[in-house]
Amino acid sequence: YSPMLAEDEQCAGLPPCLIVLAELDPLVDQGRAYADKLSRSHVFCSLKVIKGTVHGFFNVGLLLKTPFAQAEKHIGDFLSEINRMPTANSKL
């Protein structure tokens, strides 16, 4: 099953999402389209594009230290942001 095949309404209610893309990845447009789909479905989605990187850069972090470090920072920032978000139970 591909989430891209889901109707926008089916994506509503999904948890917050971070999408980290490599600028030179042949799949970068699909990642952007998925982020757009989530946004249309009112799902909090943070899209980050790591400039000058290729598909799989995260798997070779020791070789591509700067892009890997950028991705790690985006992940940390995203986790901090969603931890500050109110939850459905926060009013209890």
PDB file of N, CA and C in Angstrom:
ATOM      1  N   TYR A   1       0.832  -1.180   0.000  1.00  0.00           N
ATOM      2  CA  TYR A   1       0.000   0.000   0.000  1.00  0.00           C
ATOM      3  C   TYR A   1       0.879   1.247   0.000  1.00  0.00           C
ATOM      4  N   SER A   2       0.555   2.160  -0.872  1.00  0.00           N
ATOM      5  CA  SER A   2       1.266   3.437  -0.936  1.00  0.00           C
ATOM      6  C   SER A   2       0.370   4.539  -0.377  1.00  0.00           C
ATOM      7  N   PRO A   3       0.872   5.328   0.579  1.00  0.00           N
ATOM      8  CA  PRO A   3       0.064   6.428   1.098  1.00  0.00           C
ATOM      9  C   PRO A   3      -0.301   7.449   0.025  1.00  0.00           C
ATOM     10  N   MET A   4       0.469   7.497  -1.047  1.00  0.00           N
ATOM     11  CA  MET A   4       0.144   8.433  -2.129  1.00  0.00           C
ATOM     12  C   MET A   4      -1.145   8.044  -2.838  1.00  0.00           C
ATOM     13  N   LEU A   5      -1.564   6.786  -2.723  1.00  0.00           N
ATOM     14  CA  LEU A   5      -2.799   6.336  -3.357  1.00  0.00           C
ATOM     15  C   LEU A   5      -4.025   6.624  -2.498  1.00  0.00           C
ATOM     16  N   ALA A   6      -3.816   6.998  -1.256  1.00  0.00           N
ATOM     17  CA  ALA A   6      -4.928   7.287  -0.348  1.00  0.00           C
ATOM     18  C   ALA A   6      -5.591   8.601  -0.736  1.00  0.00           C
ATOM     19  N   GLU A   7      -6.884   8.656  -0.486  1.00  0.00           N
ATOM     20  CA  GLU A   7      -7.608   9.920  -0.646  1.00  0.00           C
ATOM     21  C   GLU A   7      -7.154  10.861   0.473  1.00  0.00           C
ATOM     22  N   ASP A   8      -7.221  12.166   0.217  1.00  0.00           N
ATOM     23  CA  ASP A   8      -6.804  13.136   1.224  1.00  0.00           C
ATOM     24  C   ASP A   8      -7.524  12.897   2.554  1.00  0.00           C
ATOM     25  N   GLU A   9      -8.810  12.568   2.492  1.00  0.00           N
ATOM     26  CA  GLU A   9      -9.597  12.360   3.701  1.00  0.00           C
ATOM     27  C   GLU A   9      -9.061  11.187   4.521  1.00  0.00           C
ATOM     28  N   GLN A  10      -8.477  10.202   3.851  1.00  0.00           N
ATOM     29  CA  GLN A  10      -7.932   9.048   4.557  1.00  0.00           C
ATOM     30  C   GLN A  10      -6.666   9.398   5.326  1.00  0.00           C
ATOM     31  N   CYS A  11      -6.018  10.474   4.953  1.00  0.00           N
ATOM     32  CA  CYS A  11      -4.794  10.897   5.636  1.00  0.00           C
ATOM     33  C   CYS A  11      -5.094  11.749   6.861  1.00  0.00           C
ATOM     34  N   ALA A  12      -6.307  12.292   6.927  1.00  0.00           N
ATOM     35  CA  ALA A  12      -6.676  13.134   8.070  1.00  0.00           C
ATOM     36  C   ALA A  12      -6.513  12.333   9.350  1.00  0.00           C
ATOM     37  N   GLY A  13      -5.967  12.969  10.358  1.00  0.00           N
ATOM     38  CA  GLY A  13      -5.792  12.312  11.639  1.00  0.00           C
ATOM     39  C   GLY A  13      -4.468  11.592  11.802  1.00  0.00           C
ATOM     40  N   LEU A  14      -3.647  11.593  10.759  1.00  0.00           N
ATOM     41  CA  LEU A  14      -2.325  10.987  10.899  1.00  0.00           C
ATOM     42  C   LEU A  14      -1.478  11.821  11.860  1.00  0.00           C
ATOM     43  N   PRO A  15      -0.487  11.225  12.494  1.00  0.00           N
ATOM     44  CA  PRO A  15       0.356  11.987  13.425  1.00  0.00           C
ATOM     45  C   PRO A  15       1.252  12.972  12.677  1.00  0.00           C
ATOM     46  N   PRO A  16       1.835  13.915  13.405  1.00  0.00           N
ATOM     47  CA  PRO A  16       2.771  14.852  12.773  1.00  0.00           C
ATOM     48  C   PRO A  16       3.869  14.094  12.029  1.00  0.00           C
ATOM     49  N   CYS A  17       4.332  14.708  10.953  1.00  0.00           N
ATOM     50  CA  CYS A  17       5.260  14.019  10.060  1.00  0.00           C
ATOM     51  C   CYS A  17       6.427  14.928   9.691  1.00  0.00           C
ATOM     52  N   LEU A  18       7.615  14.349   9.695  1.00  0.00           N
ATOM     53  CA  LEU A  18       8.806  15.027   9.175  1.00  0.00           C
ATOM     54  C   LEU A  18       9.238  14.287   7.923  1.00  0.00           C
ATOM     55  N   ILE A  19       9.404  15.017   6.837  1.00  0.00           N
ATOM     56  CA  ILE A  19       9.901  14.442   5.590  1.00  0.00           C
ATOM     57  C   ILE A  19      11.218  15.136   5.272  1.00  0.00           C
ATOM     58  N   VAL A  20      12.287  14.349   5.226  1.00  0.00           N
ATOM     59  CA  VAL A  20      13.611  14.871   4.887  1.00  0.00           C
ATOM     60  C   VAL A  20      13.971  14.317   3.520  1.00  0.00           C
ATOM     61  N   LEU A  21      14.200  15.214   2.566  1.00  0.00           N
ATOM     62  CA  LEU A  21      14.486  14.829   1.187  1.00  0.00           C
ATOM     63  C   LEU A  21      15.893  15.238   0.781  1.00  0.00           C
ATOM     64  N   ALA A  22      16.450  14.473  -0.120  1.00  0.00           N
ATOM     65  CA  ALA A  22      17.730  14.829  -0.737  1.00  0.00           C
ATOM     66  C   ALA A  22      17.427  15.603  -2.015  1.00  0.00           C
ATOM     67  N   GLU A  23      18.019  16.760  -2.160  1.00  0.00           N
ATOM     68  CA  GLU A  23      17.736  17.639  -3.304  1.00  0.00           C
ATOM     69  C   GLU A  23      17.923  16.931  -4.648  1.00  0.00           C
ATOM     70  N   LEU A  24      18.934  16.079  -4.761  1.00  0.00           N
ATOM     71  CA  LEU A  24      19.253  15.450  -6.044  1.00  0.00           C
ATOM     72  C   LEU A  24      18.682  14.039  -6.178  1.00  0.00           C
ATOM     73  N   ASP A  25      17.801  13.674  -5.281  1.00  0.00           N
ATOM     74  CA  ASP A  25      17.158  12.360  -5.321  1.00  0.00           C
ATOM     75  C   ASP A  25      16.129  12.344  -6.453  1.00  0.00           C
ATOM     76  N   PRO A  26      16.129  11.301  -7.300  1.00  0.00           N
ATOM     77  CA  PRO A  26      15.115  11.239  -8.354  1.00  0.00           C
ATOM     78  C   PRO A  26      13.693  11.132  -7.795  1.00  0.00           C
ATOM     79  N   LEU A  27      13.562  10.812  -6.503  1.00  0.00           N
ATOM     80  CA  LEU A  27      12.242  10.691  -5.887  1.00  0.00           C
ATOM     81  C   LEU A  27      11.819  11.950  -5.126  1.00  0.00           C
ATOM     82  N   VAL A  28      12.577  13.027  -5.255  1.00  0.00           N
ATOM     83  CA  VAL A  28      12.299  14.235  -4.477  1.00  0.00           C
ATOM     84  C   VAL A  28      10.900  14.788  -4.775  1.00  0.00           C
ATOM     85  N   ASP A  29      10.450  14.713  -6.008  1.00  0.00           N
ATOM     86  CA  ASP A  29       9.126  15.234  -6.342  1.00  0.00           C
ATOM     87  C   ASP A  29       8.014  14.431  -5.666  1.00  0.00           C
ATOM     88  N   GLN A  30       8.200  13.123  -5.535  1.00  0.00           N
ATOM     89  CA  GLN A  30       7.217  12.296  -4.841  1.00  0.00           C
ATOM     90  C   GLN A  30       7.157  12.658  -3.357  1.00  0.00           C
ATOM     91  N   GLY A  31       8.309  12.946  -2.774  1.00  0.00           N
ATOM     92  CA  GLY A  31       8.331  13.367  -1.375  1.00  0.00           C
ATOM     93  C   GLY A  31       7.610  14.685  -1.170  1.00  0.00           C
ATOM     94  N   ARG A  32       7.831  15.614  -2.092  1.00  0.00           N
ATOM     95  CA  ARG A  32       7.131  16.904  -2.013  1.00  0.00           C
ATOM     96  C   ARG A  32       5.618  16.709  -2.186  1.00  0.00           C
ATOM     97  N   ALA A  33       5.230  15.832  -3.103  1.00  0.00           N
ATOM     98  CA  ALA A  33       3.804  15.571  -3.327  1.00  0.00           C
ATOM     99  C   ALA A  33       3.156  14.972  -2.087  1.00  0.00           C
ATOM    100  N   TYR A  34       3.866  14.075  -1.401  1.00  0.00           N
ATOM    101  CA  TYR A  34       3.325  13.488  -0.177  1.00  0.00           C
ATOM    102  C   TYR A  34       3.172  14.550   0.907  1.00  0.00           C
ATOM    103  N   ALA A  35       4.133  15.434   1.030  1.00  0.00           N
ATOM    104  CA  ALA A  35       4.029  16.521   2.003  1.00  0.00           C
ATOM    105  C   ALA A  35       2.823  17.406   1.682  1.00  0.00           C
ATOM    106  N   ASP A  36       2.601  17.682   0.405  1.00  0.00           N
ATOM    107  CA  ASP A  36       1.433  18.473  -0.006  1.00  0.00           C
ATOM    108  C   ASP A  36       0.139  17.752   0.356  1.00  0.00           C
ATOM    109  N   LYS A  37       0.095  16.449   0.121  1.00  0.00           N
ATOM    110  CA  LYS A  37      -1.092  15.652   0.446  1.00  0.00           C
ATOM    111  C   LYS A  37      -1.383  15.725   1.938  1.00  0.00           C
ATOM    112  N   LEU A  38      -0.354  15.573   2.758  1.00  0.00           N
ATOM    113  CA  LEU A  38      -0.557  15.646   4.203  1.00  0.00           C
ATOM    114  C   LEU A  38      -1.043  17.029   4.618  1.00  0.00           C
ATOM    115  N   SER A  39      -0.476  18.064   4.037  1.00  0.00           N
ATOM    116  CA  SER A  39      -0.894  19.433   4.365  1.00  0.00           C
ATOM    117  C   SER A  39      -2.356  19.664   3.972  1.00  0.00           C
ATOM    118  N   ARG A  40      -2.741  19.182   2.807  1.00  0.00           N
ATOM    119  CA  ARG A  40      -4.149  19.305   2.385  1.00  0.00           C
ATOM    120  C   ARG A  40      -5.074  18.573   3.341  1.00  0.00           C
ATOM    121  N   SER A  41      -4.563  17.541   3.993  1.00  0.00           N
ATOM    122  CA  SER A  41      -5.354  16.737   4.932  1.00  0.00           C
ATOM    123  C   SER A  41      -5.273  17.287   6.352  1.00  0.00           C
ATOM    124  N   HIS A  42      -4.659  18.470   6.509  1.00  0.00           N
ATOM    125  CA  HIS A  42      -4.514  19.138   7.809  1.00  0.00           C
ATOM    126  C   HIS A  42      -3.664  18.334   8.785  1.00  0.00           C
ATOM    127  N   VAL A  43      -2.680  17.625   8.246  1.00  0.00           N
ATOM    128  CA  VAL A  43      -1.706  16.915   9.066  1.00  0.00           C
ATOM    129  C   VAL A  43      -0.486  17.821   9.176  1.00  0.00           C
ATOM    130  N   PHE A  44      -0.003  18.016  10.401  1.00  0.00           N
ATOM    131  CA  PHE A  44       1.209  18.813  10.563  1.00  0.00           C
ATOM    132  C   PHE A  44       2.352  18.085   9.876  1.00  0.00           C
ATOM    133  N   CYS A  45       2.969  18.756   8.922  1.00  0.00           N
ATOM    134  CA  CYS A  45       4.049  18.138   8.149  1.00  0.00           C
ATOM    135  C   CYS A  45       5.168  19.155   7.974  1.00  0.00           C
ATOM    136  N   SER A  46       6.350  18.744   8.365  1.00  0.00           N
ATOM    137  CA  SER A  46       7.540  19.574   8.187  1.00  0.00           C
ATOM    138  C   SER A  46       8.362  18.958   7.060  1.00  0.00           C
ATOM    139  N   LEU A  47       8.583  19.716   6.015  1.00  0.00           N
ATOM    140  CA  LEU A  47       9.341  19.248   4.853  1.00  0.00           C
ATOM    141  C   LEU A  47      10.699  19.944   4.840  1.00  0.00           C
ATOM    142  N   LYS A  48      11.755  19.154   4.804  1.00  0.00           N
ATOM    143  CA  LYS A  48      13.113  19.682   4.746  1.00  0.00           C
ATOM    144  C   LYS A  48      13.832  19.046   3.564  1.00  0.00           C
ATOM    145  N   VAL A  49      14.511  19.873   2.780  1.00  0.00           N
ATOM    146  CA  VAL A  49      15.284  19.393   1.634  1.00  0.00           C
ATOM    147  C   VAL A  49      16.750  19.696   1.909  1.00  0.00           C
ATOM    148  N   ILE A  50      17.570  18.649   1.903  1.00  0.00           N
ATOM    149  CA  ILE A  50      18.998  18.809   2.140  1.00  0.00           C
ATOM    150  C   ILE A  50      19.658  19.090   0.791  1.00  0.00           C
ATOM    151  N   LYS A  51      20.187  20.286   0.641  1.00  0.00           N
ATOM    152  CA  LYS A  51      20.770  20.733  -0.629  1.00  0.00           C
ATOM    153  C   LYS A  51      22.009  19.920  -1.012  1.00  0.00           C
ATOM    154  N   GLY A  52      22.126  19.649  -2.310  1.00  0.00           N
ATOM    155  CA  GLY A  52      23.318  19.021  -2.861  1.00  0.00           C
ATOM    156  C   GLY A  52      23.502  17.562  -2.504  1.00  0.00           C
ATOM    157  N   THR A  53      22.457  16.911  -2.013  1.00  0.00           N
ATOM    158  CA  THR A  53      22.588  15.508  -1.593  1.00  0.00           C
ATOM    159  C   THR A  53      21.844  14.575  -2.533  1.00  0.00           C
ATOM    160  N   VAL A  54      22.202  13.317  -2.465  1.00  0.00           N
ATOM    161  CA  VAL A  54      21.615  12.288  -3.325  1.00  0.00           C
ATOM    162  C   VAL A  54      20.841  11.283  -2.485  1.00  0.00           C
ATOM    163  N   HIS A  55      20.053  10.467  -3.156  1.00  0.00           N
ATOM    164  CA  HIS A  55      19.289   9.405  -2.515  1.00  0.00           C
ATOM    165  C   HIS A  55      20.227   8.530  -1.669  1.00  0.00           C
ATOM    166  N   GLY A  56      19.795   8.218  -0.468  1.00  0.00           N
ATOM    167  CA  GLY A  56      20.574   7.343   0.392  1.00  0.00           C
ATOM    168  C   GLY A  56      21.631   8.040   1.223  1.00  0.00           C
ATOM    169  N   PHE A  57      21.680   9.372   1.196  1.00  0.00           N
ATOM    170  CA  PHE A  57      22.736  10.077   1.934  1.00  0.00           C
ATOM    171  C   PHE A  57      22.700   9.760   3.418  1.00  0.00           C
ATOM    172  N   PHE A  58      21.529   9.501   3.951  1.00  0.00           N
ATOM    173  CA  PHE A  58      21.409   9.245   5.380  1.00  0.00           C
ATOM    174  C   PHE A  58      22.069   7.922   5.762  1.00  0.00           C
ATOM    175  N   ASN A  59      22.106   6.994   4.831  1.00  0.00           N
ATOM    176  CA  ASN A  59      22.709   5.678   5.096  1.00  0.00           C
ATOM    177  C   ASN A  59      24.224   5.718   5.108  1.00  0.00           C
ATOM    178  N   VAL A  60      24.811   6.747   4.545  1.00  0.00           N
ATOM    179  CA  VAL A  60      26.275   6.863   4.514  1.00  0.00           C
ATOM    180  C   VAL A  60      26.709   8.115   5.273  1.00  0.00           C
ATOM    181  N   GLY A  61      26.110   8.297   6.445  1.00  0.00           N
ATOM    182  CA  GLY A  61      26.335   9.492   7.249  1.00  0.00           C
ATOM    183  C   GLY A  61      27.793   9.784   7.544  1.00  0.00           C
ATOM    184  N   LEU A  62      28.595   8.745   7.736  1.00  0.00           N
ATOM    185  CA  LEU A  62      30.007   8.976   8.048  1.00  0.00           C
ATOM    186  C   LEU A  62      30.768   9.539   6.859  1.00  0.00           C
ATOM    187  N   LEU A  63      30.289   9.252   5.656  1.00  0.00           N
ATOM    188  CA  LEU A  63      30.950   9.765   4.453  1.00  0.00           C
ATOM    189  C   LEU A  63      30.454  11.150   4.072  1.00  0.00           C
ATOM    190  N   LEU A  64      29.200  11.407   4.358  1.00  0.00           N
ATOM    191  CA  LEU A  64      28.581  12.693   4.012  1.00  0.00           C
ATOM    192  C   LEU A  64      28.194  13.403   5.305  1.00  0.00           C
ATOM    193  N   LYS A  65      29.179  13.821   6.056  1.00  0.00           N
ATOM    194  CA  LYS A  65      28.958  14.326   7.405  1.00  0.00           C
ATOM    195  C   LYS A  65      28.064  15.563   7.458  1.00  0.00           C
ATOM    196  N   THR A  66      28.267  16.519   6.574  1.00  0.00           N
ATOM    197  CA  THR A  66      27.483  17.754   6.652  1.00  0.00           C
ATOM    198  C   THR A  66      26.003  17.515   6.370  1.00  0.00           C
ATOM    199  N   PRO A  67      25.628  16.835   5.279  1.00  0.00           N
ATOM    200  CA  PRO A  67      24.201  16.575   5.066  1.00  0.00           C
ATOM    201  C   PRO A  67      23.585  15.732   6.183  1.00  0.00           C
ATOM    202  N   PHE A  68      24.341  14.764   6.677  1.00  0.00           N
ATOM    203  CA  PHE A  68      23.855  13.922   7.766  1.00  0.00           C
ATOM    204  C   PHE A  68      23.598  14.767   9.010  1.00  0.00           C
ATOM    205  N   ALA A  69      24.519  15.660   9.326  1.00  0.00           N
ATOM    206  CA  ALA A  69      24.355  16.536  10.489  1.00  0.00           C
ATOM    207  C   ALA A  69      23.152  17.466  10.306  1.00  0.00           C
ATOM    208  N   GLN A  70      22.935  17.954   9.083  1.00  0.00           N
ATOM    209  CA  GLN A  70      21.765  18.799   8.810  1.00  0.00           C
ATOM    210  C   GLN A  70      20.478  18.019   9.052  1.00  0.00           C
ATOM    211  N   ALA A  71      20.437  16.788   8.567  1.00  0.00           N
ATOM    212  CA  ALA A  71      19.246  15.956   8.763  1.00  0.00           C
ATOM    213  C   ALA A  71      19.016  15.692  10.245  1.00  0.00           C
ATOM    214  N   GLU A  72      20.078  15.393  10.965  1.00  0.00           N
ATOM    215  CA  GLU A  72      19.950  15.155  12.411  1.00  0.00           C
ATOM    216  C   GLU A  72      19.399  16.385  13.123  1.00  0.00           C
ATOM    217  N   LYS A  73      19.854  17.571  12.721  1.00  0.00           N
ATOM    218  CA  LYS A  73      19.344  18.804  13.328  1.00  0.00           C
ATOM    219  C   LYS A  73      17.854  18.975  13.038  1.00  0.00           C
ATOM    220  N   HIS A  74      17.447  18.701  11.794  1.00  0.00           N
ATOM    221  CA  HIS A  74      16.023  18.799  11.445  1.00  0.00           C
ATOM    222  C   HIS A  74      15.193  17.829  12.288  1.00  0.00           C
ATOM    223  N   ILE A  75      15.713  16.637  12.507  1.00  0.00           N
ATOM    224  CA  ILE A  75      14.994  15.648  13.314  1.00  0.00           C
ATOM    225  C   ILE A  75      14.850  16.151  14.747  1.00  0.00           C
ATOM    226  N   GLY A  76      15.933  16.646  15.318  1.00  0.00           N
ATOM    227  CA  GLY A  76      15.879  17.175  16.681  1.00  0.00           C
ATOM    228  C   GLY A  76      14.925  18.352  16.802  1.00  0.00           C
ATOM    229  N   ASP A  77      14.981  19.266  15.839  1.00  0.00           N
ATOM    230  CA  ASP A  77      14.078  20.424  15.846  1.00  0.00           C
ATOM    231  C   ASP A  77      12.621  19.984  15.746  1.00  0.00           C
ATOM    232  N   PHE A  78      12.355  19.011  14.876  1.00  0.00           N
ATOM    233  CA  PHE A  78      10.994  18.510  14.694  1.00  0.00           C
ATOM    234  C   PHE A  78      10.482  17.885  15.994  1.00  0.00           C
ATOM    235  N   LEU A  79      11.304  17.054  16.627  1.00  0.00           N
ATOM    236  CA  LEU A  79      10.886  16.416  17.877  1.00  0.00           C
ATOM    237  C   LEU A  79      10.617  17.451  18.963  1.00  0.00           C
ATOM    238  N   SER A  80      11.439  18.472  19.026  1.00  0.00           N
ATOM    239  CA  SER A  80      11.203  19.552  19.996  1.00  0.00           C
ATOM    240  C   SER A  80       9.888  20.256  19.706  1.00  0.00           C
ATOM    241  N   GLU A  81       9.635  20.503  18.428  1.00  0.00           N
ATOM    242  CA  GLU A  81       8.408  21.201  18.040  1.00  0.00           C
ATOM    243  C   GLU A  81       7.167  20.385  18.369  1.00  0.00           C
ATOM    244  N   ILE A  82       7.160  19.113  18.031  1.00  0.00           N
ATOM    245  CA  ILE A  82       5.944  18.333  18.297  1.00  0.00           C
ATOM    246  C   ILE A  82       5.759  18.073  19.791  1.00  0.00           C
ATOM    247  N   ASN A  83       6.847  18.068  20.554  1.00  0.00           N
ATOM    248  CA  ASN A  83       6.711  17.910  22.006  1.00  0.00           C
ATOM    249  C   ASN A  83       6.080  19.131  22.659  1.00  0.00           C
ATOM    250  N   ARG A  84       6.132  20.275  21.988  1.00  0.00           N
ATOM    251  CA  ARG A  84       5.495  21.500  22.502  1.00  0.00           C
ATOM    252  C   ARG A  84       4.041  21.611  22.068  1.00  0.00           C
ATOM    253  N   MET A  85       3.601  20.757  21.143  1.00  0.00           N
ATOM    254  CA  MET A  85       2.231  20.834  20.639  1.00  0.00           C
ATOM    255  C   MET A  85       1.242  20.329  21.685  1.00  0.00           C
ATOM    256  N   PRO A  86       0.084  20.986  21.761  1.00  0.00           N
ATOM    257  CA  PRO A  86      -0.940  20.464  22.666  1.00  0.00           C
ATOM    258  C   PRO A  86      -1.462  19.118  22.136  1.00  0.00           C
ATOM    259  N   THR A  87      -1.861  18.276  23.038  1.00  0.00           N
ATOM    260  CA  THR A  87      -2.435  16.992  22.633  1.00  0.00           C
ATOM    261  C   THR A  87      -3.938  17.029  22.860  1.00  0.00           C
ATOM    262  N   ALA A  88      -4.619  16.055  22.326  1.00  0.00           N
ATOM    263  CA  ALA A  88      -6.076  15.985  22.506  1.00  0.00           C
ATOM    264  C   ALA A  88      -6.425  15.846  23.984  1.00  0.00           C
ATOM    265  N   ASN A  89      -5.541  15.262  24.779  1.00  0.00           N
ATOM    266  CA  ASN A  89      -5.813  15.050  26.200  1.00  0.00           C
ATOM    267  C   ASN A  89      -5.276  16.165  27.098  1.00  0.00           C
ATOM    268  N   SER A  90      -4.669  17.196  26.493  1.00  0.00           N
ATOM    269  CA  SER A  90      -4.011  18.222  27.314  1.00  0.00           C
ATOM    270  C   SER A  90      -5.000  19.064  28.109  1.00  0.00           C
ATOM    271  N   LYS A  91      -6.280  19.034  27.760  1.00  0.00           N
ATOM    272  CA  LYS A  91      -7.279  19.834  28.477  1.00  0.00           C
ATOM    273  C   LYS A  91      -7.884  19.067  29.645  1.00  0.00           C
ATOM    274  N   LEU A  92      -7.523  17.818  29.815  1.00  0.00           N
ATOM    275  CA  LEU A  92      -8.100  17.006  30.898  1.00  0.00           C
ATOM    276  C   LEU A  92      -7.561  17.409  32.240  1.00  0.00           C
TER     277      LEU A  92
END
